[in-house]
Amino acid sequence: MSGRTDAIVLENPEIDEELGESVKGALSQRQILLLVGNCWVSYRGRASSKLEPGERVVLIKEDGSILVHRPSGYEPVNWQPQGCIFRSRIRNGSLRLTASRRKPPESLHIDFNRLYLFSSMKLKDIGEFSLHASEEDMQKAVLLNPSMIEAGFKPISFEKKVEPGFVDVYGVDGNGRLVVVEIKRKTAGRNAVIQLSRYVRAVQGIVDREVRGVLAAPNIAKGTQRLLTTLGLAFKPLDPKKCAETLHRSQKPKLADFFES
């Protein structure tokens, strides 16, 4: 497979005016910019941080976001969101990159005194992104946003051990009744209903109050609703994709999470 004709890749480049022009050109054309080398970082804005010299990976994206990564760990140690204004300069054999924002006013300064790799290019990505959730993910999403089960629902615990097994989510509804929630990632059938019924009976045997059972799944198999009604249980449609989106939103990093003490 042939490589990209618009890509620039330099190994162990000298930090000189020629490199400076390559950096400025890539920034002005809003290209993907990848730099690997020894650098130190400082941030000023809503707080302040300093990162002492070390070998790191710096990635600047086409939307004006920038991330500074250590050699290990998936989270950046410093970052700025999209919309940054970039400046660069070469002075005394060092490259300085500055990423600034006006609202809120903040700036990130990165100084390289040695580069092992410089790369710039344009990328095209029109692929659709789809989120998928496991049953564990769906459970976490319900704990983060209990209203996905019903308004007023408040979880008390999860993976509660009862005689037949473990209750996915255990809580109280808006009327003070205990609720046992059984979560299924795919279409729930007769076995899921029977499993939930056993959990409800087990909880009823150890508490002196009304206990409800809710089966949460994308959908239920044909004929399952009749069995749910017969056993006095309820069904709540729970979309794995919406659960994944809930988790995704909750895991978006905040700038303060990456400040260096």
Protein backbone atom coordinates (compact mmCIF):
# COMPACT_ATOMS: atom_id res chain seq x y z
CA MET A 1 0.00 0.00 0.00
CA SER A 2 1.39 3.41 -0.95
CA GLY A 3 1.82 6.07 1.71
CA ARG A 4 0.17 9.47 1.85
CA THR A 5 1.74 11.99 -0.52
CA ASP A 6 0.88 14.94 1.76
CA ALA A 7 2.51 13.51 4.87
CA ILE A 8 5.75 14.82 6.35
CA VAL A 9 7.68 12.48 8.64
CA LEU A 10 11.03 13.48 10.12
CA GLU A 11 13.09 11.29 12.44
CA ASN A 12 15.43 12.98 14.91
CA PRO A 13 15.10 16.37 13.18
CA GLU A 14 17.28 19.31 14.10
CA ILE A 15 15.34 22.01 15.92
CA ASP A 16 16.12 24.84 13.52
CA GLU A 17 14.37 27.40 11.37
CA GLU A 18 13.54 24.82 8.71
CA LEU A 19 11.67 22.74 11.28
CA GLY A 20 10.04 25.91 12.55
CA GLU A 21 8.62 26.60 9.10
CA SER A 22 7.28 23.04 8.89
CA VAL A 23 5.53 23.46 12.24
CA LYS A 24 4.02 26.81 11.26
CA GLY A 25 2.88 25.44 7.93
CA ALA A 26 1.18 22.44 9.54
CA LEU A 27 -0.55 24.66 12.10
CA SER A 28 -1.75 27.17 9.51
CA GLN A 29 -3.18 24.38 7.35
CA ARG A 30 -4.85 22.74 10.36
CA GLN A 31 -3.09 19.46 9.87
CA ILE A 32 -2.67 16.64 12.34
CA LEU A 33 0.64 17.32 14.09
CA LEU A 34 2.53 14.66 16.05
CA LEU A 35 5.68 15.44 18.03
CA VAL A 36 7.65 12.99 20.15
CA GLY A 37 10.55 14.22 22.22
CA ASN A 38 11.83 15.70 25.45
CA CYS A 39 9.67 18.58 26.64
CA TRP A 40 8.35 20.50 29.64
CA VAL A 41 4.89 22.03 30.02
CA SER A 42 3.24 24.90 31.84
CA TYR A 43 -0.41 25.89 32.04
CA ARG A 44 -2.02 29.15 33.13
CA GLY A 45 -5.74 29.88 33.30
CA ARG A 46 -8.38 28.87 35.80
CA ALA A 47 -5.52 27.29 37.74
CA SER A 48 -1.84 26.71 37.03
CA SER A 49 0.39 23.68 36.58
CA LYS A 50 3.96 22.78 35.68
CA LEU A 51 5.26 19.54 34.21
CA GLU A 52 9.01 19.02 34.53
CA PRO A 53 11.11 17.79 31.55
CA GLY A 54 10.46 14.30 30.25
CA GLU A 55 9.99 12.32 27.05
CA ARG A 56 6.40 12.66 25.85
CA VAL A 57 4.01 12.54 22.92
CA VAL A 58 2.21 15.73 21.85
CA LEU A 59 -0.75 15.52 19.49
CA ILE A 60 -2.43 18.51 17.86
CA LYS A 61 -5.66 17.80 15.99
CA GLU A 62 -7.34 19.55 13.07
CA ASP A 63 -10.05 21.03 15.32
CA GLY A 64 -7.49 22.90 17.39
CA SER A 65 -7.32 20.52 20.36
CA ILE A 66 -4.00 19.47 21.88
CA LEU A 67 -3.00 16.58 24.14
CA VAL A 68 0.21 15.84 26.01
CA HIS A 69 0.76 12.16 26.81
CA ARG A 70 3.30 10.43 29.02
CA PRO A 71 4.82 7.15 27.75
CA SER A 72 2.16 5.19 29.67
CA GLY A 73 -1.50 5.68 30.54
CA TYR A 74 -4.37 6.55 28.24
CA GLU A 75 -5.24 9.91 29.80
CA PRO A 76 -3.32 13.06 28.78
CA VAL A 77 -1.35 14.74 31.51
CA ASN A 78 -2.19 18.14 29.98
CA TRP A 79 -4.69 19.08 27.29
CA GLN A 80 -6.69 21.87 25.74
CA PRO A 81 -10.05 21.44 23.97
CA GLN A 82 -10.87 22.32 20.38
CA GLY A 83 -10.67 25.88 19.17
CA CYS A 84 -7.18 26.74 20.39
CA ILE A 85 -5.08 29.42 18.73
CA PHE A 86 -1.53 28.16 18.17
CA ARG A 87 1.80 29.94 18.01
CA SER A 88 5.25 28.46 17.56
CA ARG A 89 8.82 29.73 17.69
CA ILE A 90 12.39 28.47 17.52
CA ARG A 91 14.85 29.98 19.97
CA ASN A 92 18.27 28.77 21.16
CA GLY A 93 17.73 25.28 19.77
CA SER A 94 14.32 24.83 21.39
CA LEU A 95 10.81 24.69 19.96
CA ARG A 96 8.02 26.39 21.88
CA LEU A 97 4.36 25.64 21.13
CA THR A 98 1.64 27.78 22.71
CA ALA A 99 -2.05 26.86 22.66
CA SER A 100 -4.34 29.69 23.82
CA ARG A 101 -8.05 30.15 24.39
CA ARG A 102 -9.96 33.37 25.01
CA LYS A 103 -13.05 31.99 26.77
CA PRO A 104 -11.99 31.14 29.36
CA PRO A 105 -8.60 32.85 29.07
CA GLU A 106 -5.97 30.13 29.38
CA SER A 107 -2.75 29.04 27.71
CA LEU A 108 -0.62 25.93 27.49
CA HIS A 109 3.13 26.25 26.77
CA ILE A 110 5.19 23.28 25.59
CA ASP A 111 8.96 23.53 25.12
CA PHE A 112 10.96 20.89 23.25
CA ASN A 113 14.76 20.78 23.45
CA ARG A 114 14.96 17.52 21.54
CA LEU A 115 12.71 15.86 18.97
CA TYR A 116 12.73 12.19 18.04
CA LEU A 117 9.80 12.36 15.63
CA PHE A 118 7.90 15.08 13.78
CA SER A 119 4.92 14.22 11.59
CA SER A 120 2.17 16.26 9.94
CA MET A 121 -0.63 15.32 7.55
CA LYS A 122 -4.29 15.75 6.68
CA LEU A 123 -6.64 12.94 7.62
CA LYS A 124 -10.15 12.14 6.39
CA ASP A 125 -12.59 10.35 8.68
CA ILE A 126 -16.29 10.09 7.82
CA GLY A 127 -16.93 6.78 9.56
CA GLU A 128 -19.93 6.65 11.90
CA PHE A 129 -19.20 5.98 15.56
CA SER A 130 -21.42 3.46 17.34
CA LEU A 131 -21.41 2.85 21.08
CA HIS A 132 -22.16 -0.57 22.49
CA ALA A 133 -22.77 -1.45 26.12
CA SER A 134 -22.39 -4.68 28.05
CA GLU A 135 -24.77 -5.63 30.86
CA GLU A 136 -22.17 -4.31 33.31
CA ASP A 137 -22.10 -1.00 31.40
CA MET A 138 -25.90 -0.83 31.50
CA GLN A 139 -25.81 -1.44 35.24
CA LYS A 140 -23.29 1.41 35.70
CA ALA A 141 -25.44 3.71 33.56
CA VAL A 142 -28.51 2.99 35.70
CA LEU A 143 -26.51 3.76 38.84
CA LEU A 144 -25.37 7.04 37.28
CA ASN A 145 -28.85 7.93 36.01
CA PRO A 146 -31.52 6.01 37.98
CA SER A 147 -34.32 7.80 36.12
CA MET A 148 -33.54 5.46 33.23
CA ILE A 149 -35.58 2.95 35.23
CA GLU A 150 -38.24 5.41 36.38
CA ALA A 151 -38.63 8.86 37.89
CA GLY A 152 -37.97 8.84 41.63
CA PHE A 153 -36.02 5.59 41.64
CA LYS A 154 -33.03 5.66 44.02
CA PRO A 155 -30.50 2.79 44.04
CA ILE A 156 -29.41 1.43 47.39
CA SER A 157 -26.92 -1.18 46.22
CA PHE A 158 -25.93 -3.35 43.28
CA GLU A 159 -24.90 -7.01 42.96
CA LYS A 160 -26.85 -7.64 46.16
CA LYS A 161 -26.48 -11.29 47.12
CA VAL A 162 -29.70 -13.21 47.67
CA GLU A 163 -30.32 -16.94 47.81
CA PRO A 164 -30.82 -17.47 44.03
CA GLY A 165 -27.91 -15.23 42.97
CA PHE A 166 -27.07 -11.51 42.72
CA VAL A 167 -29.53 -8.64 42.13
CA ASP A 168 -28.23 -6.26 39.44
CA VAL A 169 -29.61 -3.10 41.05
CA TYR A 170 -31.53 -2.80 44.32
CA GLY A 171 -33.31 0.41 45.31
CA VAL A 172 -36.39 2.32 46.38
CA ASP A 173 -39.08 3.88 44.20
CA GLY A 174 -40.78 7.24 44.67
CA ASN A 175 -43.39 5.66 46.96
CA GLY A 176 -40.84 4.04 49.26
CA ARG A 177 -41.28 0.53 47.89
CA LEU A 178 -38.22 -1.67 47.42
CA VAL A 179 -37.34 -2.38 43.78
CA VAL A 180 -35.37 -5.30 42.39
CA VAL A 181 -34.00 -4.55 38.90
CA GLU A 182 -32.80 -7.30 36.58
CA ILE A 183 -30.89 -6.02 33.52
CA LYS A 184 -30.54 -7.84 30.21
CA ARG A 185 -28.53 -6.57 27.24
CA LYS A 186 -30.58 -8.43 24.63
CA THR A 187 -34.22 -9.44 24.23
CA ALA A 188 -35.45 -10.77 27.57
CA GLY A 189 -37.51 -13.95 27.58
CA ARG A 190 -39.19 -16.37 29.95
CA ASN A 191 -35.96 -17.32 31.77
CA ALA A 192 -35.22 -13.68 32.63
CA VAL A 193 -38.72 -13.21 34.05
CA ILE A 194 -38.45 -16.35 36.21
CA GLN A 195 -35.01 -15.23 37.41
CA LEU A 196 -36.40 -11.83 38.43
CA SER A 197 -39.36 -13.46 40.17
CA ARG A 198 -37.01 -15.60 42.26
CA TYR A 199 -35.00 -12.54 43.28
CA VAL A 200 -38.17 -10.69 44.31
CA ARG A 201 -39.38 -13.63 46.42
CA ALA A 202 -35.96 -13.93 48.05
CA VAL A 203 -35.97 -10.24 49.03
CA GLN A 204 -39.56 -10.46 50.27
CA GLY A 205 -38.46 -13.25 52.57
CA ILE A 206 -36.01 -11.00 54.41
CA VAL A 207 -37.85 -7.64 54.53
CA ASP A 208 -41.22 -6.63 55.91
CA ARG A 209 -42.34 -4.28 53.12
CA GLU A 210 -43.61 -4.32 49.55
CA VAL A 211 -41.09 -5.37 46.90
CA ARG A 212 -41.43 -4.65 43.19
CA GLY A 213 -39.59 -6.33 40.36
CA VAL A 214 -38.51 -4.54 37.16
CA LEU A 215 -37.05 -6.27 34.12
CA ALA A 216 -34.90 -3.78 32.18
CA ALA A 217 -33.94 -4.78 28.64
CA PRO A 218 -34.06 -3.45 25.05
CA ASN A 219 -37.24 -5.46 24.50
CA ILE A 220 -39.01 -8.65 25.57
CA ALA A 221 -39.81 -11.81 23.69
CA LYS A 222 -43.28 -12.61 22.41
CA GLY A 223 -45.56 -13.82 25.19
CA THR A 224 -43.26 -12.54 27.95
CA GLN A 225 -45.48 -9.61 28.91
CA ARG A 226 -48.29 -11.99 29.92
CA LEU A 227 -45.93 -13.85 32.26
CA LEU A 228 -44.68 -10.56 33.74
CA THR A 229 -48.25 -9.46 34.41
CA THR A 230 -49.17 -12.81 35.96
CA LEU A 231 -46.22 -12.60 38.35
CA GLY A 232 -46.83 -8.93 39.18
CA LEU A 233 -43.59 -7.74 37.58
CA ALA A 234 -42.88 -4.74 35.34
CA PHE A 235 -40.89 -4.21 32.16
CA LYS A 236 -38.78 -1.13 31.43
CA PRO A 237 -37.27 -0.64 27.95
CA LEU A 238 -33.55 0.05 28.42
CA ASP A 239 -31.48 0.91 25.33
CA PRO A 240 -27.83 -0.28 25.48
CA LYS A 241 -26.81 2.57 23.17
CA LYS A 242 -28.29 5.20 25.50
CA CYS A 243 -26.55 3.50 28.41
CA ALA A 244 -23.25 3.68 26.54
CA GLU A 245 -23.83 7.37 25.81
CA THR A 246 -24.55 8.01 29.50
CA LEU A 247 -21.26 6.38 30.46
CA HIS A 248 -19.40 8.19 27.69
CA ARG A 249 -20.62 11.58 28.89
CA SER A 250 -19.74 10.80 32.50
CA GLN A 251 -16.20 9.78 31.54
CA LYS A 252 -15.30 12.90 29.54
CA PRO A 253 -12.18 14.31 31.15
CA LYS A 254 -12.17 17.69 32.85
CA LEU A 255 -9.17 19.98 32.58
CA ALA A 256 -8.76 20.05 36.37
CA ASP A 257 -8.31 16.25 36.35
CA PHE A 258 -4.98 16.62 34.56
CA PHE A 259 -3.40 19.48 36.52
CA GLU A 260 0.00 18.67 37.91
CA SER A 261 0.23 19.33 41.62
